Amino acid sequence: MRGLAILVVGLIVFIGSHVFVTMRAGRAALIERIGEWPYRGLLAIASVIGLVLIGYGFGQYRATDWIDIWHPPHWTFYITQALMWPASIFVVAAYIRGNIWRTLKHPMLVGVKTWAVAHLISNGDLGSILLFGSFLLWAGYDRMTLKHRTDAAAPKIPAGGHRNDIIAIVVGTVLFLVLGLVFHPLVVGRAVFGRPAF
């Protein structure tokens, strides 16, 4: 169960550091104490450490600790595949801001929730449920706290929104293909689109 334990520690580190961001009083006090950029650096370091532990732990879990809870039908794989396309576009739209960003308000969180739900549909093992379920709960929690943050500025309509939407869709589609053809086979060990690119 070593891999599962490492996965859980990684989730605690990554999600815990991001939950702290929602605690605005504590966050403000820490920034006042150490400064804005050291705070951002600490958050970035915690995020990277958390992601590395999550990735390593999940890999170890898949290799040695696999625990099935339920067995999703094979066709759910195609639902996951289909949902990952808009999820990738939503994540990109968080950085290439256009009308998608304005409409969703927080496309990164929408993308994370779509990614998590997509994978929960087709994965019934304990590690996957912990991984994707944790991210789904965190994204939902983070979205709820945004409604109550007095320092959360409302998104403004960017100039040339439609052009940025087109760019976000194109870049998001490229990301979707890279994740399926390169990342998934190399890191996860399972091809998404038939044969892997490498």
Protein backbone atom coordinates (compact mmCIF):
# COMPACT_ATOMS: atom_id res chain seq x y z
CA MET A 1 0.00 0.00 0.00
CA ARG A 2 3.07 2.25 -0.24
CA GLY A 3 2.01 3.76 -3.56
CA LEU A 4 -1.48 4.56 -2.28
CA ALA A 5 0.00 6.19 0.83
CA ILE A 6 2.31 8.38 -1.28
CA LEU A 7 -0.64 9.34 -3.48
CA VAL A 8 -2.65 10.41 -0.43
CA VAL A 9 0.28 12.46 0.94
CA GLY A 10 0.64 14.16 -2.44
CA LEU A 11 -3.06 15.00 -2.51
CA ILE A 12 -2.84 16.46 1.00
CA VAL A 13 0.16 18.61 0.07
CA PHE A 14 -1.24 19.85 -3.25
CA ILE A 15 -4.88 20.35 -2.32
CA GLY A 16 -4.03 21.51 1.20
CA SER A 17 -1.81 24.30 -0.15
CA HIS A 18 -4.59 25.39 -2.50
CA VAL A 19 -7.24 25.26 0.21
CA PHE A 20 -5.01 27.61 2.22
CA VAL A 21 -5.33 30.11 -0.64
CA THR A 22 -9.09 30.29 0.11
CA MET A 23 -8.38 31.21 3.74
CA ARG A 24 -7.95 34.87 2.94
CA ALA A 25 -7.19 36.11 6.46
CA GLY A 26 -4.46 33.53 7.01
CA ARG A 27 -3.13 34.06 3.49
CA ALA A 28 -2.99 37.84 3.99
CA ALA A 29 -1.20 37.44 7.32
CA LEU A 30 1.41 35.13 5.77
CA ILE A 31 1.97 37.50 2.84
CA GLU A 32 2.40 40.40 5.26
CA ARG A 33 4.92 38.38 7.22
CA ILE A 34 7.10 37.01 4.39
CA GLY A 35 6.09 39.07 1.33
CA GLU A 36 4.08 38.42 -1.85
CA TRP A 37 6.77 36.74 -3.95
CA PRO A 38 8.13 34.43 -1.22
CA TYR A 39 4.53 33.37 -0.59
CA ARG A 40 4.01 32.63 -4.28
CA GLY A 41 7.29 30.72 -4.32
CA LEU A 42 6.23 28.58 -1.36
CA LEU A 43 2.88 27.87 -3.02
CA ALA A 44 4.62 26.90 -6.26
CA ILE A 45 7.07 24.60 -4.43
CA ALA A 46 4.25 22.93 -2.48
CA SER A 47 2.28 22.49 -5.71
CA VAL A 48 5.22 20.89 -7.54
CA ILE A 49 6.04 18.59 -4.60
CA GLY A 50 2.38 17.60 -4.35
CA LEU A 51 2.11 16.85 -8.06
CA VAL A 52 5.33 14.82 -8.07
CA LEU A 53 4.12 12.77 -5.11
CA ILE A 54 0.72 12.29 -6.73
CA GLY A 55 2.27 11.14 -10.00
CA TYR A 56 4.84 8.85 -8.38
CA GLY A 57 2.38 7.47 -5.86
CA PHE A 58 -0.25 6.76 -8.49
CA GLY A 59 2.33 5.03 -10.68
CA GLN A 60 3.42 2.82 -7.77
CA TYR A 61 -0.18 2.13 -6.88
CA ARG A 62 -1.00 1.05 -10.45
CA ALA A 63 1.99 -1.27 -10.46
CA THR A 64 1.61 -2.91 -7.05
CA ASP A 65 -1.47 -1.83 -5.05
CA TRP A 66 -4.36 -1.90 -7.51
CA ILE A 67 -7.73 -2.23 -5.72
CA ASP A 68 -10.95 -2.50 -7.74
CA ILE A 69 -14.11 -1.08 -6.19
CA TRP A 70 -16.37 -1.48 -9.21
CA HIS A 71 -15.98 -2.26 -12.90
CA PRO A 72 -17.24 0.48 -15.26
CA PRO A 73 -18.58 -0.75 -18.63
CA HIS A 74 -16.07 -0.51 -21.48
CA TRP A 75 -18.11 2.16 -23.30
CA THR A 76 -17.51 4.65 -20.46
CA PHE A 77 -13.98 5.01 -21.83
CA TYR A 78 -15.41 6.87 -24.83
CA ILE A 79 -17.34 9.23 -22.57
CA THR A 80 -14.11 10.07 -20.80
CA GLN A 81 -12.40 10.59 -24.14
CA ALA A 82 -15.16 12.94 -25.33
CA LEU A 83 -15.27 14.99 -22.11
CA MET A 84 -11.51 15.53 -22.10
CA TRP A 85 -11.72 17.66 -25.24
CA PRO A 86 -13.82 20.46 -23.67
CA ALA A 87 -11.92 20.04 -20.40
CA SER A 88 -8.66 20.82 -22.22
CA ILE A 89 -10.23 23.84 -23.93
CA PHE A 90 -11.59 25.18 -20.62
CA VAL A 91 -8.14 24.97 -19.00
CA VAL A 92 -6.53 26.84 -21.90
CA ALA A 93 -9.35 29.43 -21.87
CA ALA A 94 -8.29 30.35 -18.33
CA TYR A 95 -5.10 31.81 -19.82
CA ILE A 96 -6.27 32.88 -23.30
CA ARG A 97 -9.15 34.98 -22.12
CA GLY A 98 -12.16 35.52 -24.33
CA ASN A 99 -15.89 34.97 -24.17
CA ILE A 100 -15.41 31.39 -22.91
CA TRP A 101 -13.60 32.83 -19.91
CA ARG A 102 -16.26 35.50 -19.41
CA THR A 103 -19.11 32.98 -19.62
CA LEU A 104 -17.58 30.33 -17.35
CA LYS A 105 -16.01 32.95 -15.02
CA HIS A 106 -13.54 30.35 -13.73
CA PRO A 107 -12.76 28.04 -16.67
CA MET A 108 -9.77 26.46 -14.90
CA LEU A 109 -12.04 25.11 -12.18
CA VAL A 110 -14.63 24.05 -14.75
CA GLY A 111 -11.89 22.25 -16.65
CA VAL A 112 -10.64 20.49 -13.52
CA LYS A 113 -14.17 19.39 -12.60
CA THR A 114 -14.81 18.14 -16.13
CA TRP A 115 -11.48 16.26 -16.11
CA ALA A 116 -12.26 14.69 -12.73
CA VAL A 117 -15.82 13.65 -13.62
CA ALA A 118 -14.64 12.27 -16.97
CA HIS A 119 -12.13 9.98 -15.27
CA LEU A 120 -14.44 8.95 -12.44
CA ILE A 121 -16.91 7.70 -15.05
CA SER A 122 -14.49 5.14 -16.50
CA ASN A 123 -12.27 4.28 -13.51
CA GLY A 124 -13.63 2.24 -10.64
CA ASP A 125 -10.47 1.49 -8.66
CA LEU A 126 -9.72 2.97 -5.24
CA GLY A 127 -6.70 5.04 -6.30
CA SER A 128 -8.56 6.68 -9.18
CA ILE A 129 -11.56 7.42 -6.99
CA LEU A 130 -9.29 9.06 -4.41
CA LEU A 131 -7.35 11.01 -7.04
CA PHE A 132 -10.16 12.30 -9.22
CA GLY A 133 -12.69 12.52 -6.41
CA SER A 134 -10.32 14.71 -4.36
CA PHE A 135 -9.75 17.10 -7.24
CA LEU A 136 -13.49 17.26 -7.95
CA LEU A 137 -14.25 18.11 -4.31
CA TRP A 138 -11.46 20.70 -4.19
CA ALA A 139 -12.59 22.42 -7.40
CA GLY A 140 -16.19 22.52 -6.15
CA TYR A 141 -15.09 23.90 -2.79
CA ASP A 142 -12.83 26.50 -4.40
CA ARG A 143 -15.65 27.65 -6.68
CA MET A 144 -18.00 28.08 -3.72
CA THR A 145 -15.46 30.11 -1.75
CA LEU A 146 -14.96 32.46 -4.71
CA LYS A 147 -18.54 33.64 -4.27
CA HIS A 148 -17.67 34.93 -0.81
CA ARG A 149 -14.23 36.43 -1.45
CA THR A 150 -14.38 40.20 -1.29
CA ASP A 151 -11.05 40.43 -3.14
CA ALA A 152 -12.16 38.23 -6.08
CA ALA A 153 -12.57 40.60 -9.01
CA ALA A 154 -15.36 39.89 -11.48
CA PRO A 155 -14.10 38.95 -14.96
CA LYS A 156 -14.18 41.77 -17.50
CA ILE A 157 -15.09 41.27 -21.15
CA PRO A 158 -11.76 41.26 -23.03
CA ALA A 159 -11.29 43.00 -26.35
CA GLY A 160 -11.40 40.63 -29.30
CA GLY A 161 -13.03 37.90 -27.25
CA HIS A 162 -14.10 35.77 -30.22
CA ARG A 163 -10.57 35.67 -31.62
CA ASN A 164 -9.23 34.52 -28.27
CA ASP A 165 -11.95 31.87 -28.13
CA ILE A 166 -10.79 30.47 -31.46
CA ILE A 167 -7.19 30.43 -30.25
CA ALA A 168 -8.25 28.73 -27.00
CA ILE A 169 -10.16 26.07 -28.94
CA VAL A 170 -7.21 25.38 -31.25
CA VAL A 171 -4.63 25.30 -28.45
CA GLY A 172 -7.00 23.28 -26.25
CA THR A 173 -7.45 20.74 -29.02
CA VAL A 174 -3.67 20.45 -29.40
CA LEU A 175 -3.39 19.94 -25.62
CA PHE A 176 -6.11 17.27 -25.78
CA LEU A 177 -4.20 15.40 -28.49
CA VAL A 178 -0.85 15.73 -26.70
CA LEU A 179 -2.37 14.40 -23.47
CA GLY A 180 -3.88 11.43 -25.30
CA LEU A 181 -1.03 10.61 -27.68
CA VAL A 182 2.04 11.43 -25.56
CA PHE A 183 1.36 12.10 -21.86
CA HIS A 184 -1.12 9.31 -21.18
CA PRO A 185 0.93 6.48 -22.78
CA LEU A 186 4.27 7.64 -21.33
CA VAL A 187 3.17 8.66 -17.81
CA VAL A 188 -0.01 6.70 -17.14
CA GLY A 189 0.95 3.70 -19.24
CA ARG A 190 -2.26 3.51 -21.26
CA ALA A 191 -2.85 4.75 -24.79
CA VAL A 192 -5.97 6.85 -25.34
CA PHE A 193 -6.13 6.97 -29.13
CA GLY A 194 -5.15 3.45 -30.12
CA ARG A 195 -1.40 3.31 -30.63
CA PRO A 196 0.75 5.84 -28.69
CA ALA A 197 2.77 8.47 -30.58
CA PHE A 198 6.03 7.24 -29.03
